[in-house]
Amino acid sequence: MDNWRILDFTNFSGWLHYRRGCLAVCPDDGEEQSISLADVATVLIGLKVGLGPAVTQQLAAFDVVLLACDWNGVPKGALSAWTDHGRVGARHLAQFEMTVPRRKSAWGQLVRAKVRGQAATLRAIDHLDWRHLDDMARLVHSGDPENIEARAARYYWGRVFSGFARQPGAGLDNRNSMLDYGYAVLRGWGIRSVMAAGLSPSLGVFHRGRSNTFNLVDDLIEPFRPAVDYVVATTPDEMSINHPTVKHRLVEASSQAFTDDGLSVSAALTDLAQRFGMYVEGKLQRLDVPYWQGPISVRPLEIAA
């Protein structure tokens, strides 16, 4: 399904209740509204949201990922349904036993797609240096032994935003805050996609943080980050992460077309997770990874006069 909804309650004050297949939204200072959970993929909640007793159980029943966010709107925890995939045990075991060459091959494909996407973002914002990144993508080998990912990132960020340094969690920096928020929404899609594919989210290909429950998610979302970068790059400097239009646009970044055939970011990520599941079981000998080819359905944001 390509029209899943993402509900953002990070600035909401009130209660969420479950009623007959719907999420009842009860603001402290407004009228109750009802939203069908059958159309929802991810729910983000902030510090002033109260949850009715049945909400978390029903979110899991409807396969909706719940992201609990801090004061800055950045998720700090997630709740997702247990997978009912028919090969979950086999896939977990296959992930654990995957050979180093196959891990390296998958990571090389992910890095190559990510750098190609970064080149497309530079091209979309009319930066002439995009060809250099496109050339760097061609140099990525299995396992990325030349560390092209990091080298490309240094080159890329200095050109997307003048004088910018990417610093995750830098809450006082507006651009970093926008990126953190957009990536967090993307991560929610990744969690949902990985669990639906019957994969273990903690068994990553490259990311191996001992305290990271979602190592594999962080691996698979790498090629999709440039689609969020473009949205942030085309947001006027005068606009803050706290502006509702900006947050809405960052949420919608995951619904934009990702490929020329119109497949959305979320649908392409779901497809990648399913193919990775087949790859770890040996049903695919090569992991083909889609890459961001530039904006198709997203336009630069303008400030109203």
C-alpha atoms as a PDB file:
ATOM      1  CA  MET A   1       0.000   0.000   0.000  1.00  0.00           C
ATOM      2  CA  ASP A   2       1.432   3.350  -1.089  1.00  0.00           C
ATOM      3  CA  ASN A   3      -0.812   5.744   0.845  1.00  0.00           C
ATOM      4  CA  TRP A   4      -0.100   4.784   4.462  1.00  0.00           C
ATOM      5  CA  ARG A   5      -0.457   7.646   6.924  1.00  0.00           C
ATOM      6  CA  ILE A   6       2.058   8.875   9.495  1.00  0.00           C
ATOM      7  CA  LEU A   7       0.464  10.621  12.484  1.00  0.00           C
ATOM      8  CA  ASP A   8       2.545  13.222  14.312  1.00  0.00           C
ATOM      9  CA  PHE A   9       1.479  14.015  17.896  1.00  0.00           C
ATOM     10  CA  THR A  10       4.829  15.423  19.057  1.00  0.00           C
ATOM     11  CA  ASN A  11       3.276  18.868  19.700  1.00  0.00           C
ATOM     12  CA  PHE A  12      -0.085  17.485  20.781  1.00  0.00           C
ATOM     13  CA  SER A  13      -1.533  17.881  24.276  1.00  0.00           C
ATOM     14  CA  GLY A  14      -4.322  15.486  25.166  1.00  0.00           C
ATOM     15  CA  TRP A  15      -5.300  11.823  25.045  1.00  0.00           C
ATOM     16  CA  LEU A  16      -5.376   9.043  22.467  1.00  0.00           C
ATOM     17  CA  HIS A  17      -7.956   6.285  22.908  1.00  0.00           C
ATOM     18  CA  TYR A  18      -8.919   3.200  20.910  1.00  0.00           C
ATOM     19  CA  ARG A  19     -12.494   2.870  19.691  1.00  0.00           C
ATOM     20  CA  ARG A  20     -13.718   0.214  17.254  1.00  0.00           C
ATOM     21  CA  GLY A  21     -10.814   0.108  14.844  1.00  0.00           C
ATOM     22  CA  CYS A  22     -10.062   3.806  15.156  1.00  0.00           C
ATOM     23  CA  LEU A  23      -7.725   6.069  17.065  1.00  0.00           C
ATOM     24  CA  ALA A  24      -9.796   8.621  18.958  1.00  0.00           C
ATOM     25  CA  VAL A  25      -7.837  11.877  19.211  1.00  0.00           C
ATOM     26  CA  CYS A  26      -8.963  13.944  22.219  1.00  0.00           C
ATOM     27  CA  PRO A  27      -7.109  17.284  22.497  1.00  0.00           C
ATOM     28  CA  ASP A  28      -7.185  19.218  25.758  1.00  0.00           C
ATOM     29  CA  ASP A  29      -8.667  22.246  24.014  1.00  0.00           C
ATOM     30  CA  GLY A  30     -10.637  20.886  21.072  1.00  0.00           C
ATOM     31  CA  GLU A  31     -13.130  18.381  19.714  1.00  0.00           C
ATOM     32  CA  GLU A  32     -12.500  14.667  19.425  1.00  0.00           C
ATOM     33  CA  GLN A  33     -11.540  13.273  16.016  1.00  0.00           C
ATOM     34  CA  SER A  34     -11.417   9.688  14.812  1.00  0.00           C
ATOM     35  CA  ILE A  35      -8.795   8.124  12.498  1.00  0.00           C
ATOM     36  CA  SER A  36      -9.004   4.606  11.064  1.00  0.00           C
ATOM     37  CA  LEU A  37      -5.989   2.539  12.144  1.00  0.00           C
ATOM     38  CA  ALA A  38      -6.255   0.443   8.979  1.00  0.00           C
ATOM     39  CA  ASP A  39      -4.646   3.336   7.072  1.00  0.00           C
ATOM     40  CA  VAL A  40      -1.883   4.180   9.575  1.00  0.00           C
ATOM     41  CA  ALA A  41       1.741   3.008   9.483  1.00  0.00           C
ATOM     42  CA  THR A  42       3.476   5.095  12.169  1.00  0.00           C
ATOM     43  CA  VAL A  43       2.433   7.213  15.150  1.00  0.00           C
ATOM     44  CA  LEU A  44       4.789   9.704  16.812  1.00  0.00           C
ATOM     45  CA  ILE A  45       3.938  10.876  20.324  1.00  0.00           C
ATOM     46  CA  GLY A  46       5.409  13.674  22.433  1.00  0.00           C
ATOM     47  CA  LEU A  47       5.695  14.384  26.127  1.00  0.00           C
ATOM     48  CA  LYS A  48       2.138  15.676  26.612  1.00  0.00           C
ATOM     49  CA  VAL A  49       0.295  12.712  25.111  1.00  0.00           C
ATOM     50  CA  GLY A  50      -1.741  10.404  27.310  1.00  0.00           C
ATOM     51  CA  LEU A  51      -2.507   6.895  26.036  1.00  0.00           C
ATOM     52  CA  GLY A  52      -5.718   5.044  26.820  1.00  0.00           C
ATOM     53  CA  PRO A  53      -5.326   1.496  28.177  1.00  0.00           C
ATOM     54  CA  ALA A  54      -6.015  -0.285  24.873  1.00  0.00           C
ATOM     55  CA  VAL A  55      -4.025   1.973  22.534  1.00  0.00           C
ATOM     56  CA  THR A  56      -0.629   0.259  22.548  1.00  0.00           C
ATOM     57  CA  GLN A  57      -2.121  -3.221  22.212  1.00  0.00           C
ATOM     58  CA  GLN A  58      -4.319  -2.171  19.294  1.00  0.00           C
ATOM     59  CA  LEU A  59      -1.490  -0.323  17.544  1.00  0.00           C
ATOM     60  CA  ALA A  60       0.439  -3.592  17.616  1.00  0.00           C
ATOM     61  CA  ALA A  61      -2.631  -5.487  16.400  1.00  0.00           C
ATOM     62  CA  PHE A  62      -2.907  -3.143  13.409  1.00  0.00           C
ATOM     63  CA  ASP A  63       0.865  -3.383  12.760  1.00  0.00           C
ATOM     64  CA  VAL A  64       1.403   0.315  13.543  1.00  0.00           C
ATOM     65  CA  VAL A  65       4.817   1.431  14.823  1.00  0.00           C
ATOM     66  CA  LEU A  66       4.701   3.789  17.829  1.00  0.00           C
ATOM     67  CA  LEU A  67       7.649   6.180  18.234  1.00  0.00           C
ATOM     68  CA  ALA A  68       8.045   7.911  21.604  1.00  0.00           C
ATOM     69  CA  CYS A  69       9.757  11.292  21.108  1.00  0.00           C
ATOM     70  CA  ASP A  70      11.656  13.718  23.324  1.00  0.00           C
ATOM     71  CA  TRP A  71      11.020  17.453  23.730  1.00  0.00           C
ATOM     72  CA  ASN A  72      12.659  18.125  20.361  1.00  0.00           C
ATOM     73  CA  GLY A  73      10.495  15.620  18.487  1.00  0.00           C
ATOM     74  CA  VAL A  74      13.282  13.049  18.088  1.00  0.00           C
ATOM     75  CA  PRO A  75      12.207   9.431  18.809  1.00  0.00           C
ATOM     76  CA  LYS A  76      13.911   7.768  21.765  1.00  0.00           C
ATOM     77  CA  GLY A  77      12.035   4.472  21.755  1.00  0.00           C
ATOM     78  CA  ALA A  78       9.758   2.367  19.581  1.00  0.00           C
ATOM     79  CA  LEU A  79       6.976  -0.156  19.955  1.00  0.00           C
ATOM     80  CA  SER A  80       6.276  -2.523  17.078  1.00  0.00           C
ATOM     81  CA  ALA A  81       4.245  -5.684  16.595  1.00  0.00           C
ATOM     82  CA  TRP A  82       5.803  -9.134  16.776  1.00  0.00           C
ATOM     83  CA  THR A  83       6.163 -10.461  13.273  1.00  0.00           C
ATOM     84  CA  ASP A  84       3.928 -13.260  12.026  1.00  0.00           C
ATOM     85  CA  HIS A  85       6.075 -13.884   8.962  1.00  0.00           C
ATOM     86  CA  GLY A  86       6.092 -17.570   8.043  1.00  0.00           C
ATOM     87  CA  ARG A  87       9.895 -17.831   7.900  1.00  0.00           C
ATOM     88  CA  VAL A  88      10.901 -15.649  10.827  1.00  0.00           C
ATOM     89  CA  GLY A  89      12.952 -18.361  12.558  1.00  0.00           C
ATOM     90  CA  ALA A  90      14.698 -19.394   9.343  1.00  0.00           C
ATOM     91  CA  ARG A  91      15.532 -15.805   8.479  1.00  0.00           C
ATOM     92  CA  HIS A  92      16.913 -14.974  11.925  1.00  0.00           C
ATOM     93  CA  LEU A  93      19.155 -18.023  11.728  1.00  0.00           C
ATOM     94  CA  ALA A  94      20.222 -17.160   8.173  1.00  0.00           C
ATOM     95  CA  GLN A  95      21.115 -13.619   9.284  1.00  0.00           C
ATOM     96  CA  PHE A  96      23.215 -14.979  12.120  1.00  0.00           C
ATOM     97  CA  GLU A  97      25.020 -17.418   9.819  1.00  0.00           C
ATOM     98  CA  MET A  98      25.459 -15.061   6.845  1.00  0.00           C
ATOM     99  CA  THR A  99      29.046 -15.200   5.592  1.00  0.00           C
ATOM    100  CA  VAL A 100      31.376 -12.217   5.733  1.00  0.00           C
ATOM    101  CA  PRO A 101      31.641 -11.982   1.908  1.00  0.00           C
ATOM    102  CA  ARG A 102      27.861 -11.773   1.588  1.00  0.00           C
ATOM    103  CA  ARG A 103      27.678  -9.146   4.341  1.00  0.00           C
ATOM    104  CA  LYS A 104      30.352  -7.114   2.591  1.00  0.00           C
ATOM    105  CA  SER A 105      28.619  -7.449  -0.758  1.00  0.00           C
ATOM    106  CA  ALA A 106      25.322  -6.181   0.687  1.00  0.00           C
ATOM    107  CA  TRP A 107      27.003  -3.257   2.434  1.00  0.00           C
ATOM    108  CA  GLY A 108      28.827  -2.265  -0.748  1.00  0.00           C
ATOM    109  CA  GLN A 109      25.532  -2.164  -2.643  1.00  0.00           C
ATOM    110  CA  LEU A 110      23.903  -0.060   0.088  1.00  0.00           C
ATOM    111  CA  VAL A 111      26.776   2.438   0.140  1.00  0.00           C
ATOM    112  CA  ARG A 112      26.862   2.707  -3.653  1.00  0.00           C
ATOM    113  CA  ALA A 113      23.130   3.462  -3.734  1.00  0.00           C
ATOM    114  CA  LYS A 114      23.468   6.017  -0.940  1.00  0.00           C
ATOM    115  CA  VAL A 115      26.266   7.942  -2.674  1.00  0.00           C
ATOM    116  CA  ARG A 116      24.365   7.895  -5.968  1.00  0.00           C
ATOM    117  CA  GLY A 117      21.398   9.355  -4.116  1.00  0.00           C
ATOM    118  CA  GLN A 118      23.580  12.071  -2.602  1.00  0.00           C
ATOM    119  CA  ALA A 119      24.768  12.956  -6.100  1.00  0.00           C
ATOM    120  CA  ALA A 120      21.131  13.199  -7.218  1.00  0.00           C
ATOM    121  CA  THR A 121      20.351  15.569  -4.344  1.00  0.00           C
ATOM    122  CA  LEU A 122      23.232  17.869  -5.323  1.00  0.00           C
ATOM    123  CA  ARG A 123      22.060  17.771  -8.934  1.00  0.00           C
ATOM    124  CA  ALA A 124      18.499  18.607  -7.862  1.00  0.00           C
ATOM    125  CA  ILE A 125      19.623  21.731  -5.987  1.00  0.00           C
ATOM    126  CA  ASP A 126      21.718  22.782  -9.009  1.00  0.00           C
ATOM    127  CA  HIS A 127      25.119  22.146  -7.457  1.00  0.00           C
ATOM    128  CA  LEU A 128      27.687  21.518 -10.179  1.00  0.00           C
ATOM    129  CA  ASP A 129      29.816  19.191  -8.009  1.00  0.00           C
ATOM    130  CA  TRP A 130      27.283  16.360  -8.191  1.00  0.00           C
ATOM    131  CA  ARG A 131      29.298  14.545 -10.862  1.00  0.00           C
ATOM    132  CA  HIS A 132      32.189  14.047  -8.453  1.00  0.00           C
ATOM    133  CA  LEU A 133      29.924  12.104  -6.090  1.00  0.00           C
ATOM    134  CA  ASP A 134      28.549  10.099  -8.989  1.00  0.00           C
ATOM    135  CA  ASP A 135      32.127   9.142  -9.865  1.00  0.00           C
ATOM    136  CA  MET A 136      32.826   8.233  -6.219  1.00  0.00           C
ATOM    137  CA  ALA A 137      29.849   5.858  -6.233  1.00  0.00           C
ATOM    138  CA  ARG A 138      31.478   3.893  -9.032  1.00  0.00           C
ATOM    139  CA  LEU A 139      34.535   3.318  -6.827  1.00  0.00           C
ATOM    140  CA  VAL A 140      32.613   1.499  -4.066  1.00  0.00           C
ATOM    141  CA  HIS A 141      33.686  -2.124  -3.742  1.00  0.00           C
ATOM    142  CA  SER A 142      32.386  -4.981  -1.600  1.00  0.00           C
ATOM    143  CA  GLY A 143      32.581  -3.952   2.062  1.00  0.00           C
ATOM    144  CA  ASP A 144      33.578  -0.385   1.110  1.00  0.00           C
ATOM    145  CA  PRO A 145      37.259  -0.909   2.080  1.00  0.00           C
ATOM    146  CA  GLU A 146      38.183   2.577   0.819  1.00  0.00           C
ATOM    147  CA  ASN A 147      35.570   4.107   3.170  1.00  0.00           C
ATOM    148  CA  ILE A 148      33.850   5.894   0.303  1.00  0.00           C
ATOM    149  CA  GLU A 149      30.754   6.405   2.454  1.00  0.00           C
ATOM    150  CA  ALA A 150      32.580   8.664   4.935  1.00  0.00           C
ATOM    151  CA  ARG A 151      34.588  10.428   2.239  1.00  0.00           C
ATOM    152  CA  ALA A 152      31.460  11.112   0.220  1.00  0.00           C
ATOM    153  CA  ALA A 153      29.647  12.399   3.326  1.00  0.00           C
ATOM    154  CA  ARG A 154      32.358  14.993   4.041  1.00  0.00           C
ATOM    155  CA  TYR A 155      32.218  16.156   0.440  1.00  0.00           C
ATOM    156  CA  TYR A 156      28.427  16.110   0.312  1.00  0.00           C
ATOM    157  CA  TRP A 157      27.445  17.970   3.487  1.00  0.00           C
ATOM    158  CA  GLY A 158      29.777  20.877   2.799  1.00  0.00           C
ATOM    159  CA  ARG A 159      27.957  21.445  -0.478  1.00  0.00           C
ATOM    160  CA  VAL A 160      24.343  20.771   0.458  1.00  0.00           C
ATOM    161  CA  PHE A 161      24.553  23.498   3.115  1.00  0.00           C
ATOM    162  CA  SER A 162      27.336  26.075   3.136  1.00  0.00           C
ATOM    163  CA  GLY A 163      29.524  25.757   6.238  1.00  0.00           C
ATOM    164  CA  PHE A 164      27.416  22.889   7.598  1.00  0.00           C
ATOM    165  CA  ALA A 165      28.568  19.946   9.699  1.00  0.00           C
ATOM    166  CA  ARG A 166      26.243  16.997  10.182  1.00  0.00           C
ATOM    167  CA  GLN A 167      25.867  16.424  13.932  1.00  0.00           C
ATOM    168  CA  PRO A 168      23.069  14.044  14.966  1.00  0.00           C
ATOM    169  CA  GLY A 169      21.297  15.211  18.101  1.00  0.00           C
ATOM    170  CA  ALA A 170      22.450  18.836  17.813  1.00  0.00           C
ATOM    171  CA  GLY A 171      19.080  20.155  18.934  1.00  0.00           C
ATOM    172  CA  LEU A 172      20.020  23.833  18.794  1.00  0.00           C
ATOM    173  CA  ASP A 173      20.978  23.614  15.120  1.00  0.00           C
ATOM    174  CA  ASN A 174      17.926  23.972  12.893  1.00  0.00           C
ATOM    175  CA  ARG A 175      19.201  21.976   9.908  1.00  0.00           C
ATOM    176  CA  ASN A 176      20.445  19.124  12.080  1.00  0.00           C
ATOM    177  CA  SER A 177      17.111  19.094  13.926  1.00  0.00           C
ATOM    178  CA  MET A 178      15.220  18.823  10.646  1.00  0.00           C
ATOM    179  CA  LEU A 179      17.443  15.978   9.488  1.00  0.00           C
ATOM    180  CA  ASP A 180      17.078  14.173  12.827  1.00  0.00           C
ATOM    181  CA  TYR A 181      13.305  14.419  12.598  1.00  0.00           C
ATOM    182  CA  GLY A 182      13.100  13.341   8.956  1.00  0.00           C
ATOM    183  CA  TYR A 183      15.450  10.411   9.522  1.00  0.00           C
ATOM    184  CA  ALA A 184      13.443   9.375  12.594  1.00  0.00           C
ATOM    185  CA  VAL A 185      10.273   9.120  10.510  1.00  0.00           C
ATOM    186  CA  LEU A 186      12.235   7.156   7.911  1.00  0.00           C
ATOM    187  CA  ARG A 187      13.505   4.855  10.657  1.00  0.00           C
ATOM    188  CA  GLY A 188       9.917   4.178  11.698  1.00  0.00           C
ATOM    189  CA  TRP A 189       9.198   2.950   8.180  1.00  0.00           C
ATOM    190  CA  GLY A 190      12.362   0.856   8.334  1.00  0.00           C
ATOM    191  CA  ILE A 191      11.324  -0.835  11.580  1.00  0.00           C
ATOM    192  CA  ARG A 192       7.957  -1.704  10.104  1.00  0.00           C
ATOM    193  CA  SER A 193       9.520  -3.028   6.878  1.00  0.00           C
ATOM    194  CA  VAL A 194      12.153  -5.159   8.625  1.00  0.00           C
ATOM    195  CA  MET A 195       9.658  -6.701  11.038  1.00  0.00           C
ATOM    196  CA  ALA A 196       7.195  -7.412   8.215  1.00  0.00           C
ATOM    197  CA  ALA A 197       9.965  -9.250   6.338  1.00  0.00           C
ATOM    198  CA  GLY A 198      10.531 -11.592   9.285  1.00  0.00           C
ATOM    199  CA  LEU A 199      14.038 -10.247   9.912  1.00  0.00           C
ATOM    200  CA  SER A 200      15.850  -9.576  13.178  1.00  0.00           C
ATOM    201  CA  PRO A 201      16.294  -5.782  13.413  1.00  0.00           C
ATOM    202  CA  SER A 202      19.326  -6.087  15.710  1.00  0.00           C
ATOM    203  CA  LEU A 203      21.428  -8.251  13.346  1.00  0.00           C
ATOM    204  CA  GLY A 204      22.909  -5.638  11.040  1.00  0.00           C
ATOM    205  CA  VAL A 205      25.191  -5.862   8.034  1.00  0.00           C
ATOM    206  CA  PHE A 206      27.488  -2.949   8.925  1.00  0.00           C
ATOM    207  CA  HIS A 207      25.910  -1.337  11.997  1.00  0.00           C
ATOM    208  CA  ARG A 208      26.697  -3.491  15.020  1.00  0.00           C
ATOM    209  CA  GLY A 209      26.054  -1.301  18.052  1.00  0.00           C
ATOM    210  CA  ARG A 210      25.618  -3.462  21.142  1.00  0.00           C
ATOM    211  CA  SER A 211      22.889  -1.196  22.486  1.00  0.00           C
ATOM    212  CA  ASN A 212      21.169  -0.639  19.123  1.00  0.00           C
ATOM    213  CA  THR A 213      18.036  -2.715  18.646  1.00  0.00           C
ATOM    214  CA  PHE A 214      17.746  -1.573  15.038  1.00  0.00           C
ATOM    215  CA  ASN A 215      21.147  -2.146  13.461  1.00  0.00           C
ATOM    216  CA  LEU A 216      19.663  -3.707  10.322  1.00  0.00           C
ATOM    217  CA  VAL A 217      17.121  -0.891  10.008  1.00  0.00           C
ATOM    218  CA  ASP A 218      19.941   1.658  10.081  1.00  0.00           C
ATOM    219  CA  ASP A 219      21.717  -0.311   7.351  1.00  0.00           C
ATOM    220  CA  LEU A 220      18.727  -0.519   5.036  1.00  0.00           C
ATOM    221  CA  ILE A 221      17.605   3.124   5.334  1.00  0.00           C
ATOM    222  CA  GLU A 222      20.994   4.501   4.243  1.00  0.00           C
ATOM    223  CA  PRO A 223      20.085   4.796   0.526  1.00  0.00           C
ATOM    224  CA  PHE A 224      16.837   6.579   1.438  1.00  0.00           C
ATOM    225  CA  ARG A 225      18.382   9.377   3.491  1.00  0.00           C
ATOM    226  CA  PRO A 226      19.118  11.615   0.454  1.00  0.00           C
ATOM    227  CA  ALA A 227      15.362  11.864  -0.224  1.00  0.00           C
ATOM    228  CA  VAL A 228      14.975  13.472   3.221  1.00  0.00           C
ATOM    229  CA  ASP A 229      18.071  15.618   2.637  1.00  0.00           C
ATOM    230  CA  TYR A 230      16.460  17.161  -0.433  1.00  0.00           C
ATOM    231  CA  VAL A 231      13.386  18.185   1.555  1.00  0.00           C
ATOM    232  CA  VAL A 232      15.570  19.855   4.198  1.00  0.00           C
ATOM    233  CA  ALA A 233      17.793  21.498   1.565  1.00  0.00           C
ATOM    234  CA  THR A 234      14.779  23.110  -0.109  1.00  0.00           C
ATOM    235  CA  THR A 235      13.271  24.402   3.129  1.00  0.00           C
ATOM    236  CA  PRO A 236      13.971  28.153   3.568  1.00  0.00           C
ATOM    237  CA  ASP A 237      16.477  29.063   6.268  1.00  0.00           C
ATOM    238  CA  GLU A 238      13.861  31.251   7.937  1.00  0.00           C
ATOM    239  CA  MET A 239      11.673  28.257   8.750  1.00  0.00           C
ATOM    240  CA  SER A 240      12.187  26.272  11.957  1.00  0.00           C
ATOM    241  CA  ILE A 241      11.684  22.601  12.758  1.00  0.00           C
ATOM    242  CA  ASN A 242       8.887  23.756  15.084  1.00  0.00           C
ATOM    243  CA  HIS A 243       6.901  25.176  12.167  1.00  0.00           C
ATOM    244  CA  PRO A 244       3.957  22.806  11.501  1.00  0.00           C
ATOM    245  CA  THR A 245       4.399  23.094   7.723  1.00  0.00           C
ATOM    246  CA  VAL A 246       8.025  21.969   8.008  1.00  0.00           C
ATOM    247  CA  LYS A 247       7.168  18.945  10.172  1.00  0.00           C
ATOM    248  CA  HIS A 248       4.337  17.994   7.849  1.00  0.00           C
ATOM    249  CA  ARG A 249       6.675  18.194   4.879  1.00  0.00           C
ATOM    250  CA  LEU A 250       9.296  16.047   6.589  1.00  0.00           C
ATOM    251  CA  VAL A 251       6.642  13.446   7.395  1.00  0.00           C
ATOM    252  CA  GLU A 252       5.478  13.501   3.790  1.00  0.00           C
ATOM    253  CA  ALA A 253       9.078  12.989   2.607  1.00  0.00           C
ATOM    254  CA  SER A 254       8.561   9.255   3.101  1.00  0.00           C
ATOM    255  CA  SER A 255       5.547   9.293   0.791  1.00  0.00           C
ATOM    256  CA  GLN A 256       7.266  10.996  -2.126  1.00  0.00           C
ATOM    257  CA  ALA A 257       8.165   9.080  -5.280  1.00  0.00           C
ATOM    258  CA  PHE A 258      11.565   7.430  -4.963  1.00  0.00           C
ATOM    259  CA  THR A 259      12.005   5.779  -8.343  1.00  0.00           C
ATOM    260  CA  ASP A 260      11.140   6.757 -11.906  1.00  0.00           C
ATOM    261  CA  ASP A 261       8.277   4.268 -11.963  1.00  0.00           C
ATOM    262  CA  GLY A 262       6.616   6.148  -9.078  1.00  0.00           C
ATOM    263  CA  LEU A 263       7.391   3.746  -6.226  1.00  0.00           C
ATOM    264  CA  SER A 264       7.336   5.748  -2.993  1.00  0.00           C
ATOM    265  CA  VAL A 265      10.124   5.883  -0.423  1.00  0.00           C
ATOM    266  CA  SER A 266       8.141   3.704   1.987  1.00  0.00           C
ATOM    267  CA  ALA A 267       7.160   1.166  -0.683  1.00  0.00           C
ATOM    268  CA  ALA A 268      10.719   0.932  -2.019  1.00  0.00           C
ATOM    269  CA  LEU A 269      12.030   0.394   1.525  1.00  0.00           C
ATOM    270  CA  THR A 270       9.467  -2.344   2.147  1.00  0.00           C
ATOM    271  CA  ASP A 271      10.487  -4.024  -1.099  1.00  0.00           C
ATOM    272  CA  LEU A 272      14.186  -3.803  -0.188  1.00  0.00           C
ATOM    273  CA  ALA A 273      13.571  -5.448   3.209  1.00  0.00           C
ATOM    274  CA  GLN A 274      11.702  -8.307   1.543  1.00  0.00           C
ATOM    275  CA  ARG A 275      14.509  -8.834  -0.969  1.00  0.00           C
ATOM    276  CA  PHE A 276      17.100  -8.699   1.801  1.00  0.00           C
ATOM    277  CA  GLY A 277      15.183 -11.519   3.500  1.00  0.00           C
ATOM    278  CA  MET A 278      15.527 -13.609   0.344  1.00  0.00           C
ATOM    279  CA  TYR A 279      19.174 -12.609   0.050  1.00  0.00           C
ATOM    280  CA  VAL A 280      20.095 -13.829   3.545  1.00  0.00           C
ATOM    281  CA  GLU A 281      18.434 -17.184   2.831  1.00  0.00           C
ATOM    282  CA  GLY A 282      20.415 -17.563  -0.389  1.00  0.00           C
ATOM    283  CA  LYS A 283      17.421 -17.199  -2.708  1.00  0.00           C
ATOM    284  CA  LEU A 284      19.055 -14.143  -4.278  1.00  0.00           C
ATOM    285  CA  GLN A 285      22.757 -14.094  -5.075  1.00  0.00           C
ATOM    286  CA  ARG A 286      22.939 -10.312  -5.295  1.00  0.00           C
ATOM    287  CA  LEU A 287      21.151  -7.605  -3.336  1.00  0.00           C
ATOM    288  CA  ASP A 288      19.968  -4.996  -5.822  1.00  0.00           C
ATOM    289  CA  VAL A 289      19.409  -1.699  -4.001  1.00  0.00           C
ATOM    290  CA  PRO A 290      17.334   1.196  -5.399  1.00  0.00           C
ATOM    291  CA  TYR A 291      18.733   4.699  -5.193  1.00  0.00           C
ATOM    292  CA  TRP A 292      17.249   8.193  -4.971  1.00  0.00           C
ATOM    293  CA  GLN A 293      17.118   9.624  -8.478  1.00  0.00           C
ATOM    294  CA  GLY A 294      16.000  13.125  -7.588  1.00  0.00           C
ATOM    295  CA  PRO A 295      12.660  14.790  -6.826  1.00  0.00           C
ATOM    296  CA  ILE A 296       9.667  13.615  -8.803  1.00  0.00           C
ATOM    297  CA  SER A 297       6.707  14.685  -6.685  1.00  0.00           C
ATOM    298  CA  VAL A 298       8.263  17.112  -4.170  1.00  0.00           C
ATOM    299  CA  ARG A 299       8.669  20.810  -4.861  1.00  0.00           C
ATOM    300  CA  PRO A 300      10.782  23.385  -2.998  1.00  0.00           C
ATOM    301  CA  LEU A 301       8.935  25.008  -0.082  1.00  0.00           C
ATOM    302  CA  GLU A 302       8.257  28.727  -0.384  1.00  0.00           C
ATOM    303  CA  ILE A 303       7.309  31.189   2.339  1.00  0.00           C
ATOM    304  CA  ALA A 304       3.916  32.769   1.785  1.00  0.00           C
ATOM    305  CA  ALA A 305       4.057  36.481   1.148  1.00  0.00           C
END
